[in-house]
Amino acid sequence: MPEQPDRIPDPSGGPSAPDGSDTTADATGASTSEPGGEAERRRRRARFLRELTEARELRDRVQPRRAKAARLRHAMRMRTFRW
């Protein structure tokens, strides 16, 4: 198993980033170290969701039996769901 990088202790006692970069967040969750923190977070989230969708599509193409089983399970869940 590959080793995880050692975390540098944060002076405030909370968790810190592995590379030692200190990013603080305010009550809304936006990073206060940069003014466009919310916009950057949304861009990173959108990129992550696009890559996740692409990875799922690739997995469905290379494992069609598993994809079919997943579709059937999802259909069964939706049929038994009560509104």
PDB file of N, CA and C in Angstrom:
ATOM      1  N   MET A   1       0.849  -1.179   0.000  1.00  0.00           N
ATOM      2  CA  MET A   1       0.000   0.000   0.000  1.00  0.00           C
ATOM      3  C   MET A   1       0.894   1.242   0.000  1.00  0.00           C
ATOM      4  N   PRO A   2       0.619   2.229  -0.881  1.00  0.00           N
ATOM      5  CA  PRO A   2       1.463   3.423  -0.914  1.00  0.00           C
ATOM      6  C   PRO A   2       1.269   4.252   0.342  1.00  0.00           C
ATOM      7  N   GLU A   3       2.354   4.864   0.764  1.00  0.00           N
ATOM      8  CA  GLU A   3       2.296   5.666   1.984  1.00  0.00           C
ATOM      9  C   GLU A   3       1.634   7.000   1.713  1.00  0.00           C
ATOM     10  N   GLN A   4       0.876   7.469   2.693  1.00  0.00           N
ATOM     11  CA  GLN A   4       0.241   8.769   2.617  1.00  0.00           C
ATOM     12  C   GLN A   4       1.252   9.829   3.037  1.00  0.00           C
ATOM     13  N   PRO A   5       1.229  11.011   2.418  1.00  0.00           N
ATOM     14  CA  PRO A   5       2.156  12.062   2.855  1.00  0.00           C
ATOM     15  C   PRO A   5       1.800  12.511   4.265  1.00  0.00           C
ATOM     16  N   ASP A   6       2.824  12.791   5.044  1.00  0.00           N
ATOM     17  CA  ASP A   6       2.608  13.235   6.417  1.00  0.00           C
ATOM     18  C   ASP A   6       1.925  14.590   6.415  1.00  0.00           C
ATOM     19  N   ARG A   7       0.943  14.712   7.303  1.00  0.00           N
ATOM     20  CA  ARG A   7       0.244  15.984   7.419  1.00  0.00           C
ATOM     21  C   ARG A   7       1.014  16.896   8.357  1.00  0.00           C
ATOM     22  N   ILE A   8       1.115  18.156   7.980  1.00  0.00           N
ATOM     23  CA  ILE A   8       1.782  19.146   8.814  1.00  0.00           C
ATOM     24  C   ILE A   8       0.752  19.671   9.803  1.00  0.00           C
ATOM     25  N   PRO A   9       1.041  19.637  11.108  1.00  0.00           N
ATOM     26  CA  PRO A   9       0.037  20.061  12.084  1.00  0.00           C
ATOM     27  C   PRO A   9      -0.341  21.522  11.906  1.00  0.00           C
ATOM     28  N   ASP A  10      -1.630  21.776  12.028  1.00  0.00           N
ATOM     29  CA  ASP A  10      -2.175  23.122  11.918  1.00  0.00           C
ATOM     30  C   ASP A  10      -2.097  23.780  13.290  1.00  0.00           C
ATOM     31  N   PRO A  11      -1.612  25.032  13.387  1.00  0.00           N
ATOM     32  CA  PRO A  11      -1.519  25.685  14.689  1.00  0.00           C
ATOM     33  C   PRO A  11      -2.870  25.833  15.385  1.00  0.00           C
ATOM     34  N   SER A  12      -3.963  25.877  14.623  1.00  0.00           N
ATOM     35  CA  SER A  12      -5.279  26.026  15.238  1.00  0.00           C
ATOM     36  C   SER A  12      -5.796  24.718  15.796  1.00  0.00           C
ATOM     37  N   GLY A  13      -5.097  23.609  15.524  1.00  0.00           N
ATOM     38  CA  GLY A  13      -5.511  22.322  16.059  1.00  0.00           C
ATOM     39  C   GLY A  13      -6.370  21.526  15.098  1.00  0.00           C
ATOM     40  N   GLY A  14      -6.813  22.121  14.004  1.00  0.00           N
ATOM     41  CA  GLY A  14      -7.645  21.427  13.027  1.00  0.00           C
ATOM     42  C   GLY A  14      -6.797  20.739  11.978  1.00  0.00           C
ATOM     43  N   PRO A  15      -7.433  19.980  11.083  1.00  0.00           N
ATOM     44  CA  PRO A  15      -6.670  19.303  10.033  1.00  0.00           C
ATOM     45  C   PRO A  15      -6.095  20.307   9.046  1.00  0.00           C
ATOM     46  N   SER A  16      -4.969  19.964   8.453  1.00  0.00           N
ATOM     47  CA  SER A  16      -4.356  20.838   7.470  1.00  0.00           C
ATOM     48  C   SER A  16      -4.136  20.068   6.190  1.00  0.00           C
ATOM     49  N   ALA A  17      -3.833  20.775   5.127  1.00  0.00           N
ATOM     50  CA  ALA A  17      -3.580  20.148   3.840  1.00  0.00           C
ATOM     51  C   ALA A  17      -2.244  19.415   3.880  1.00  0.00           C
ATOM     52  N   PRO A  18      -2.099  18.288   3.118  1.00  0.00           N
ATOM     53  CA  PRO A  18      -0.849  17.537   3.149  1.00  0.00           C
ATOM     54  C   PRO A  18       0.355  18.327   2.668  1.00  0.00           C
ATOM     55  N   ASP A  19       0.154  19.307   1.781  1.00  0.00           N
ATOM     56  CA  ASP A  19       1.285  20.054   1.257  1.00  0.00           C
ATOM     57  C   ASP A  19       1.637  21.261   2.123  1.00  0.00           C
ATOM     58  N   GLY A  20       0.882  21.459   3.196  1.00  0.00           N
ATOM     59  CA  GLY A  20       1.175  22.556   4.106  1.00  0.00           C
ATOM     60  C   GLY A  20       0.518  23.867   3.730  1.00  0.00           C
ATOM     61  N   SER A  21      -0.215  23.921   2.621  1.00  0.00           N
ATOM     62  CA  SER A  21      -0.885  25.158   2.248  1.00  0.00           C
ATOM     63  C   SER A  21      -2.025  25.400   3.224  1.00  0.00           C
ATOM     64  N   ASP A  22      -2.080  26.581   3.748  1.00  0.00           N
ATOM     65  CA  ASP A  22      -3.061  26.907   4.767  1.00  0.00           C
ATOM     66  C   ASP A  22      -4.216  27.637   4.119  1.00  0.00           C
ATOM     67  N   THR A  23      -5.331  26.958   3.925  1.00  0.00           N
ATOM     68  CA  THR A  23      -6.515  27.600   3.381  1.00  0.00           C
ATOM     69  C   THR A  23      -7.568  27.599   4.461  1.00  0.00           C
ATOM     70  N   THR A  24      -8.020  28.783   4.825  1.00  0.00           N
ATOM     71  CA  THR A  24      -9.042  28.885   5.857  1.00  0.00           C
ATOM     72  C   THR A  24     -10.378  29.093   5.183  1.00  0.00           C
ATOM     73  N   ALA A  25     -11.431  28.620   5.811  1.00  0.00           N
ATOM     74  CA  ALA A  25     -12.770  28.762   5.253  1.00  0.00           C
ATOM     75  C   ALA A  25     -13.623  29.561   6.224  1.00  0.00           C
ATOM     76  N   ASP A  26     -14.497  30.393   5.673  1.00  0.00           N
ATOM     77  CA  ASP A  26     -15.401  31.142   6.534  1.00  0.00           C
ATOM     78  C   ASP A  26     -16.678  30.327   6.760  1.00  0.00           C
ATOM     79  N   ALA A  27     -17.691  30.929   7.338  1.00  0.00           N
ATOM     80  CA  ALA A  27     -18.910  30.206   7.709  1.00  0.00           C
ATOM     81  C   ALA A  27     -19.645  29.650   6.489  1.00  0.00           C
ATOM     82  N   THR A  28     -19.504  30.263   5.315  1.00  0.00           N
ATOM     83  CA  THR A  28     -20.196  29.778   4.124  1.00  0.00           C
ATOM     84  C   THR A  28     -19.451  28.663   3.442  1.00  0.00           C
ATOM     85  N   GLY A  29     -18.232  28.387   3.847  1.00  0.00           N
ATOM     86  CA  GLY A  29     -17.454  27.321   3.242  1.00  0.00           C
ATOM     87  C   GLY A  29     -16.566  27.801   2.110  1.00  0.00           C
ATOM     88  N   ALA A  30     -16.661  29.076   1.747  1.00  0.00           N
ATOM     89  CA  ALA A  30     -15.816  29.614   0.681  1.00  0.00           C
ATOM     90  C   ALA A  30     -14.431  29.914   1.234  1.00  0.00           C
ATOM     91  N   SER A  31     -13.436  29.732   0.418  1.00  0.00           N
ATOM     92  CA  SER A  31     -12.069  29.976   0.852  1.00  0.00           C
ATOM     93  C   SER A  31     -11.837  31.474   0.978  1.00  0.00           C
ATOM     94  N   THR A  32     -11.231  31.894   2.097  1.00  0.00           N
ATOM     95  CA  THR A  32     -10.985  33.310   2.308  1.00  0.00           C
ATOM     96  C   THR A  32      -9.618  33.725   1.788  1.00  0.00           C
ATOM     97  N   SER A  33      -8.800  32.758   1.322  1.00  0.00           N
ATOM     98  CA  SER A  33      -7.472  33.111   0.859  1.00  0.00           C
ATOM     99  C   SER A  33      -7.501  33.704  -0.550  1.00  0.00           C
ATOM    100  N   GLU A  34      -8.636  33.591  -1.256  1.00  0.00           N
ATOM    101  CA  GLU A  34      -8.737  34.169  -2.590  1.00  0.00           C
ATOM    102  C   GLU A  34     -10.128  34.780  -2.757  1.00  0.00           C
ATOM    103  N   PRO A  35     -10.228  35.906  -3.457  1.00  0.00           N
ATOM    104  CA  PRO A  35     -11.523  36.578  -3.564  1.00  0.00           C
ATOM    105  C   PRO A  35     -12.538  35.798  -4.389  1.00  0.00           C
ATOM    106  N   GLY A  36     -12.127  35.073  -5.424  1.00  0.00           N
ATOM    107  CA  GLY A  36     -13.056  34.326  -6.262  1.00  0.00           C
ATOM    108  C   GLY A  36     -13.154  32.879  -5.836  1.00  0.00           C
ATOM    109  N   GLY A  37     -13.111  32.615  -4.555  1.00  0.00           N
ATOM    110  CA  GLY A  37     -13.096  31.259  -4.034  1.00  0.00           C
ATOM    111  C   GLY A  37     -14.333  30.462  -4.400  1.00  0.00           C
ATOM    112  N   GLU A  38     -15.495  31.092  -4.325  1.00  0.00           N
ATOM    113  CA  GLU A  38     -16.745  30.394  -4.627  1.00  0.00           C
ATOM    114  C   GLU A  38     -16.810  30.016  -6.104  1.00  0.00           C
ATOM    115  N   ALA A  39     -16.423  30.928  -6.981  1.00  0.00           N
ATOM    116  CA  ALA A  39     -16.436  30.631  -8.414  1.00  0.00           C
ATOM    117  C   ALA A  39     -15.444  29.514  -8.747  1.00  0.00           C
ATOM    118  N   GLU A  40     -14.268  29.563  -8.121  1.00  0.00           N
ATOM    119  CA  GLU A  40     -13.264  28.514  -8.350  1.00  0.00           C
ATOM    120  C   GLU A  40     -13.769  27.172  -7.837  1.00  0.00           C
ATOM    121  N   ARG A  41     -14.412  27.169  -6.681  1.00  0.00           N
ATOM    122  CA  ARG A  41     -14.957  25.933  -6.134  1.00  0.00           C
ATOM    123  C   ARG A  41     -16.000  25.335  -7.077  1.00  0.00           C
ATOM    124  N   ARG A  42     -16.855  26.203  -7.632  1.00  0.00           N
ATOM    125  CA  ARG A  42     -17.869  25.720  -8.578  1.00  0.00           C
ATOM    126  C   ARG A  42     -17.240  25.152  -9.842  1.00  0.00           C
ATOM    127  N   ARG A  43     -16.167  25.797 -10.324  1.00  0.00           N
ATOM    128  CA  ARG A  43     -15.476  25.282 -11.518  1.00  0.00           C
ATOM    129  C   ARG A  43     -14.855  23.920 -11.234  1.00  0.00           C
ATOM    130  N   ARG A  44     -14.203  23.793 -10.069  1.00  0.00           N
ATOM    131  CA  ARG A  44     -13.592  22.507  -9.716  1.00  0.00           C
ATOM    132  C   ARG A  44     -14.656  21.425  -9.546  1.00  0.00           C
ATOM    133  N   ARG A  45     -15.782  21.793  -8.938  1.00  0.00           N
ATOM    134  CA  ARG A  45     -16.862  20.822  -8.750  1.00  0.00           C
ATOM    135  C   ARG A  45     -17.438  20.388 -10.087  1.00  0.00           C
ATOM    136  N   ALA A  46     -17.658  21.334 -11.001  1.00  0.00           N
ATOM    137  CA  ALA A  46     -18.188  21.002 -12.325  1.00  0.00           C
ATOM    138  C   ALA A  46     -17.225  20.088 -13.072  1.00  0.00           C
ATOM    139  N   ARG A  47     -15.915  20.387 -12.980  1.00  0.00           N
ATOM    140  CA  ARG A  47     -14.927  19.532 -13.648  1.00  0.00           C
ATOM    141  C   ARG A  47     -14.933  18.133 -13.050  1.00  0.00           C
ATOM    142  N   PHE A  48     -15.013  18.054 -11.719  1.00  0.00           N
ATOM    143  CA  PHE A  48     -15.055  16.751 -11.054  1.00  0.00           C
ATOM    144  C   PHE A  48     -16.275  15.952 -11.486  1.00  0.00           C
ATOM    145  N   LEU A  49     -17.446  16.604 -11.535  1.00  0.00           N
ATOM    146  CA  LEU A  49     -18.660  15.889 -11.918  1.00  0.00           C
ATOM    147  C   LEU A  49     -18.603  15.436 -13.380  1.00  0.00           C
ATOM    148  N   ARG A  50     -17.995  16.250 -14.256  1.00  0.00           N
ATOM    149  CA  ARG A  50     -17.834  15.825 -15.658  1.00  0.00           C
ATOM    150  C   ARG A  50     -16.937  14.602 -15.744  1.00  0.00           C
ATOM    151  N   GLU A  51     -15.817  14.621 -15.014  1.00  0.00           N
ATOM    152  CA  GLU A  51     -14.894  13.486 -15.034  1.00  0.00           C
ATOM    153  C   GLU A  51     -15.534  12.247 -14.425  1.00  0.00           C
ATOM    154  N   LEU A  52     -16.338  12.428 -13.374  1.00  0.00           N
ATOM    155  CA  LEU A  52     -17.020  11.300 -12.754  1.00  0.00           C
ATOM    156  C   LEU A  52     -18.016  10.667 -13.726  1.00  0.00           C
ATOM    157  N   THR A  53     -18.769  11.501 -14.426  1.00  0.00           N
ATOM    158  CA  THR A  53     -19.720  10.993 -15.415  1.00  0.00           C
ATOM    159  C   THR A  53     -18.992  10.264 -16.530  1.00  0.00           C
ATOM    160  N   GLU A  54     -17.879  10.826 -16.980  1.00  0.00           N
ATOM    161  CA  GLU A  54     -17.092  10.185 -18.030  1.00  0.00           C
ATOM    162  C   GLU A  54     -16.554   8.831 -17.561  1.00  0.00           C
ATOM    163  N   ALA A  55     -16.097   8.763 -16.326  1.00  0.00           N
ATOM    164  CA  ALA A  55     -15.575   7.500 -15.785  1.00  0.00           C
ATOM    165  C   ALA A  55     -16.685   6.458 -15.677  1.00  0.00           C
ATOM    166  N   ARG A  56     -17.869   6.876 -15.265  1.00  0.00           N
ATOM    167  CA  ARG A  56     -18.991   5.930 -15.175  1.00  0.00           C
ATOM    168  C   ARG A  56     -19.382   5.419 -16.557  1.00  0.00           C
ATOM    169  N   GLU A  57     -19.403   6.318 -17.545  1.00  0.00           N
ATOM    170  CA  GLU A  57     -19.731   5.893 -18.905  1.00  0.00           C
ATOM    171  C   GLU A  57     -18.702   4.905 -19.435  1.00  0.00           C
ATOM    172  N   LEU A  58     -17.421   5.170 -19.155  1.00  0.00           N
ATOM    173  CA  LEU A  58     -16.376   4.246 -19.583  1.00  0.00           C
ATOM    174  C   LEU A  58     -16.547   2.888 -18.905  1.00  0.00           C
ATOM    175  N   ARG A  59     -16.822   2.888 -17.611  1.00  0.00           N
ATOM    176  CA  ARG A  59     -17.019   1.624 -16.897  1.00  0.00           C
ATOM    177  C   ARG A  59     -18.211   0.863 -17.467  1.00  0.00           C
ATOM    178  N   ASP A  60     -19.285   1.584 -17.799  1.00  0.00           N
ATOM    179  CA  ASP A  60     -20.456   0.929 -18.371  1.00  0.00           C
ATOM    180  C   ASP A  60     -20.145   0.312 -19.730  1.00  0.00           C
ATOM    181  N   ARG A  61     -19.265   0.974 -20.503  1.00  0.00           N
ATOM    182  CA  ARG A  61     -18.906   0.425 -21.820  1.00  0.00           C
ATOM    183  C   ARG A  61     -18.040  -0.810 -21.699  1.00  0.00           C
ATOM    184  N   VAL A  62     -17.111  -0.815 -20.754  1.00  0.00           N
ATOM    185  CA  VAL A  62     -16.186  -1.940 -20.655  1.00  0.00           C
ATOM    186  C   VAL A  62     -16.740  -3.076 -19.787  1.00  0.00           C
ATOM    187  N   GLN A  63     -17.795  -2.825 -19.025  1.00  0.00           N
ATOM    188  CA  GLN A  63     -18.413  -3.869 -18.201  1.00  0.00           C
ATOM    189  C   GLN A  63     -19.924  -3.852 -18.419  1.00  0.00           C
ATOM    190  N   PRO A  64     -20.378  -4.275 -19.615  1.00  0.00           N
ATOM    191  CA  PRO A  64     -21.807  -4.162 -19.915  1.00  0.00           C
ATOM    192  C   PRO A  64     -22.693  -5.014 -19.005  1.00  0.00           C
ATOM    193  N   ARG A  65     -22.209  -6.153 -18.546  1.00  0.00           N
ATOM    194  CA  ARG A  65     -23.041  -6.996 -17.672  1.00  0.00           C
ATOM    195  C   ARG A  65     -23.300  -6.293 -16.348  1.00  0.00           C
ATOM    196  N   ARG A  66     -22.257  -5.689 -15.789  1.00  0.00           N
ATOM    197  CA  ARG A  66     -22.420  -4.962 -14.526  1.00  0.00           C
ATOM    198  C   ARG A  66     -23.337  -3.758 -14.718  1.00  0.00           C
ATOM    199  N   ALA A  67     -23.221  -3.076 -15.841  1.00  0.00           N
ATOM    200  CA  ALA A  67     -24.065  -1.917 -16.109  1.00  0.00           C
ATOM    201  C   ALA A  67     -25.531  -2.333 -16.215  1.00  0.00           C
ATOM    202  N   LYS A  68     -25.776  -3.460 -16.885  1.00  0.00           N
ATOM    203  CA  LYS A  68     -27.154  -3.930 -17.014  1.00  0.00           C
ATOM    204  C   LYS A  68     -27.725  -4.283 -15.648  1.00  0.00           C
ATOM    205  N   ALA A  69     -26.942  -4.974 -14.829  1.00  0.00           N
ATOM    206  CA  ALA A  69     -27.402  -5.332 -13.484  1.00  0.00           C
ATOM    207  C   ALA A  69     -27.696  -4.074 -12.667  1.00  0.00           C
ATOM    208  N   ALA A  70     -26.857  -3.064 -12.802  1.00  0.00           N
ATOM    209  CA  ALA A  70     -27.077  -1.808 -12.073  1.00  0.00           C
ATOM    210  C   ALA A  70     -28.365  -1.133 -12.544  1.00  0.00           C
ATOM    211  N   ARG A  71     -28.617  -1.141 -13.850  1.00  0.00           N
ATOM    212  CA  ARG A  71     -29.865  -0.559 -14.377  1.00  0.00           C
ATOM    213  C   ARG A  71     -31.080  -1.304 -13.838  1.00  0.00           C
ATOM    214  N   LEU A  72     -31.005  -2.637 -13.797  1.00  0.00           N
ATOM    215  CA  LEU A  72     -32.125  -3.419 -13.280  1.00  0.00           C
ATOM    216  C   LEU A  72     -32.352  -3.159 -11.794  1.00  0.00           C
ATOM    217  N   ARG A  73     -31.268  -3.065 -11.014  1.00  0.00           N
ATOM    218  CA  ARG A  73     -31.416  -2.755  -9.585  1.00  0.00           C
ATOM    219  C   ARG A  73     -32.050  -1.377  -9.385  1.00  0.00           C
ATOM    220  N   HIS A  74     -31.604  -0.419 -10.180  1.00  0.00           N
ATOM    221  CA  HIS A  74     -32.156   0.933 -10.066  1.00  0.00           C
ATOM    222  C   HIS A  74     -33.646   0.932 -10.416  1.00  0.00           C
ATOM    223  N   ALA A  75     -34.017   0.213 -11.491  1.00  0.00           N
ATOM    224  CA  ALA A  75     -35.424   0.134 -11.879  1.00  0.00           C
ATOM    225  C   ALA A  75     -36.258  -0.503 -10.771  1.00  0.00           C
ATOM    226  N   MET A  76     -35.727  -1.548 -10.141  1.00  0.00           N
ATOM    227  CA  MET A  76     -36.452  -2.200  -9.048  1.00  0.00           C
ATOM    228  C   MET A  76     -36.627  -1.243  -7.871  1.00  0.00           C
ATOM    229  N   ARG A  77     -35.585  -0.495  -7.537  1.00  0.00           N
ATOM    230  CA  ARG A  77     -35.707   0.495  -6.453  1.00  0.00           C
ATOM    231  C   ARG A  77     -36.767   1.530  -6.782  1.00  0.00           C
ATOM    232  N   MET A  78     -36.793   1.971  -8.027  1.00  0.00           N
ATOM    233  CA  MET A  78     -37.757   3.005  -8.393  1.00  0.00           C
ATOM    234  C   MET A  78     -39.184   2.452  -8.386  1.00  0.00           C
ATOM    235  N   ARG A  79     -39.354   1.185  -8.744  1.00  0.00           N
ATOM    236  CA  ARG A  79     -40.698   0.594  -8.726  1.00  0.00           C
ATOM    237  C   ARG A  79     -41.212   0.421  -7.296  1.00  0.00           C
ATOM    238  N   THR A  80     -40.323   0.133  -6.363  1.00  0.00           N
ATOM    239  CA  THR A  80     -40.765  -0.119  -4.994  1.00  0.00           C
ATOM    240  C   THR A  80     -40.769   1.149  -4.134  1.00  0.00           C
ATOM    241  N   PHE A  81     -40.332   2.271  -4.695  1.00  0.00           N
ATOM    242  CA  PHE A  81     -40.304   3.512  -3.934  1.00  0.00           C
ATOM    243  C   PHE A  81     -41.733   4.036  -3.771  1.00  0.00           C
ATOM    244  N   ARG A  82     -42.078   4.432  -2.559  1.00  0.00           N
ATOM    245  CA  ARG A  82     -43.425   4.968  -2.286  1.00  0.00           C
ATOM    246  C   ARG A  82     -43.346   6.491  -2.233  1.00  0.00           C
ATOM    247  N   TRP A  83     -44.242   7.151  -2.935  1.00  0.00           N
ATOM    248  CA  TRP A  83     -44.260   8.619  -2.943  1.00  0.00           C
ATOM    249  C   TRP A  83     -44.917   9.114  -1.720  1.00  0.00           C
TER     250      TRP A  83
END
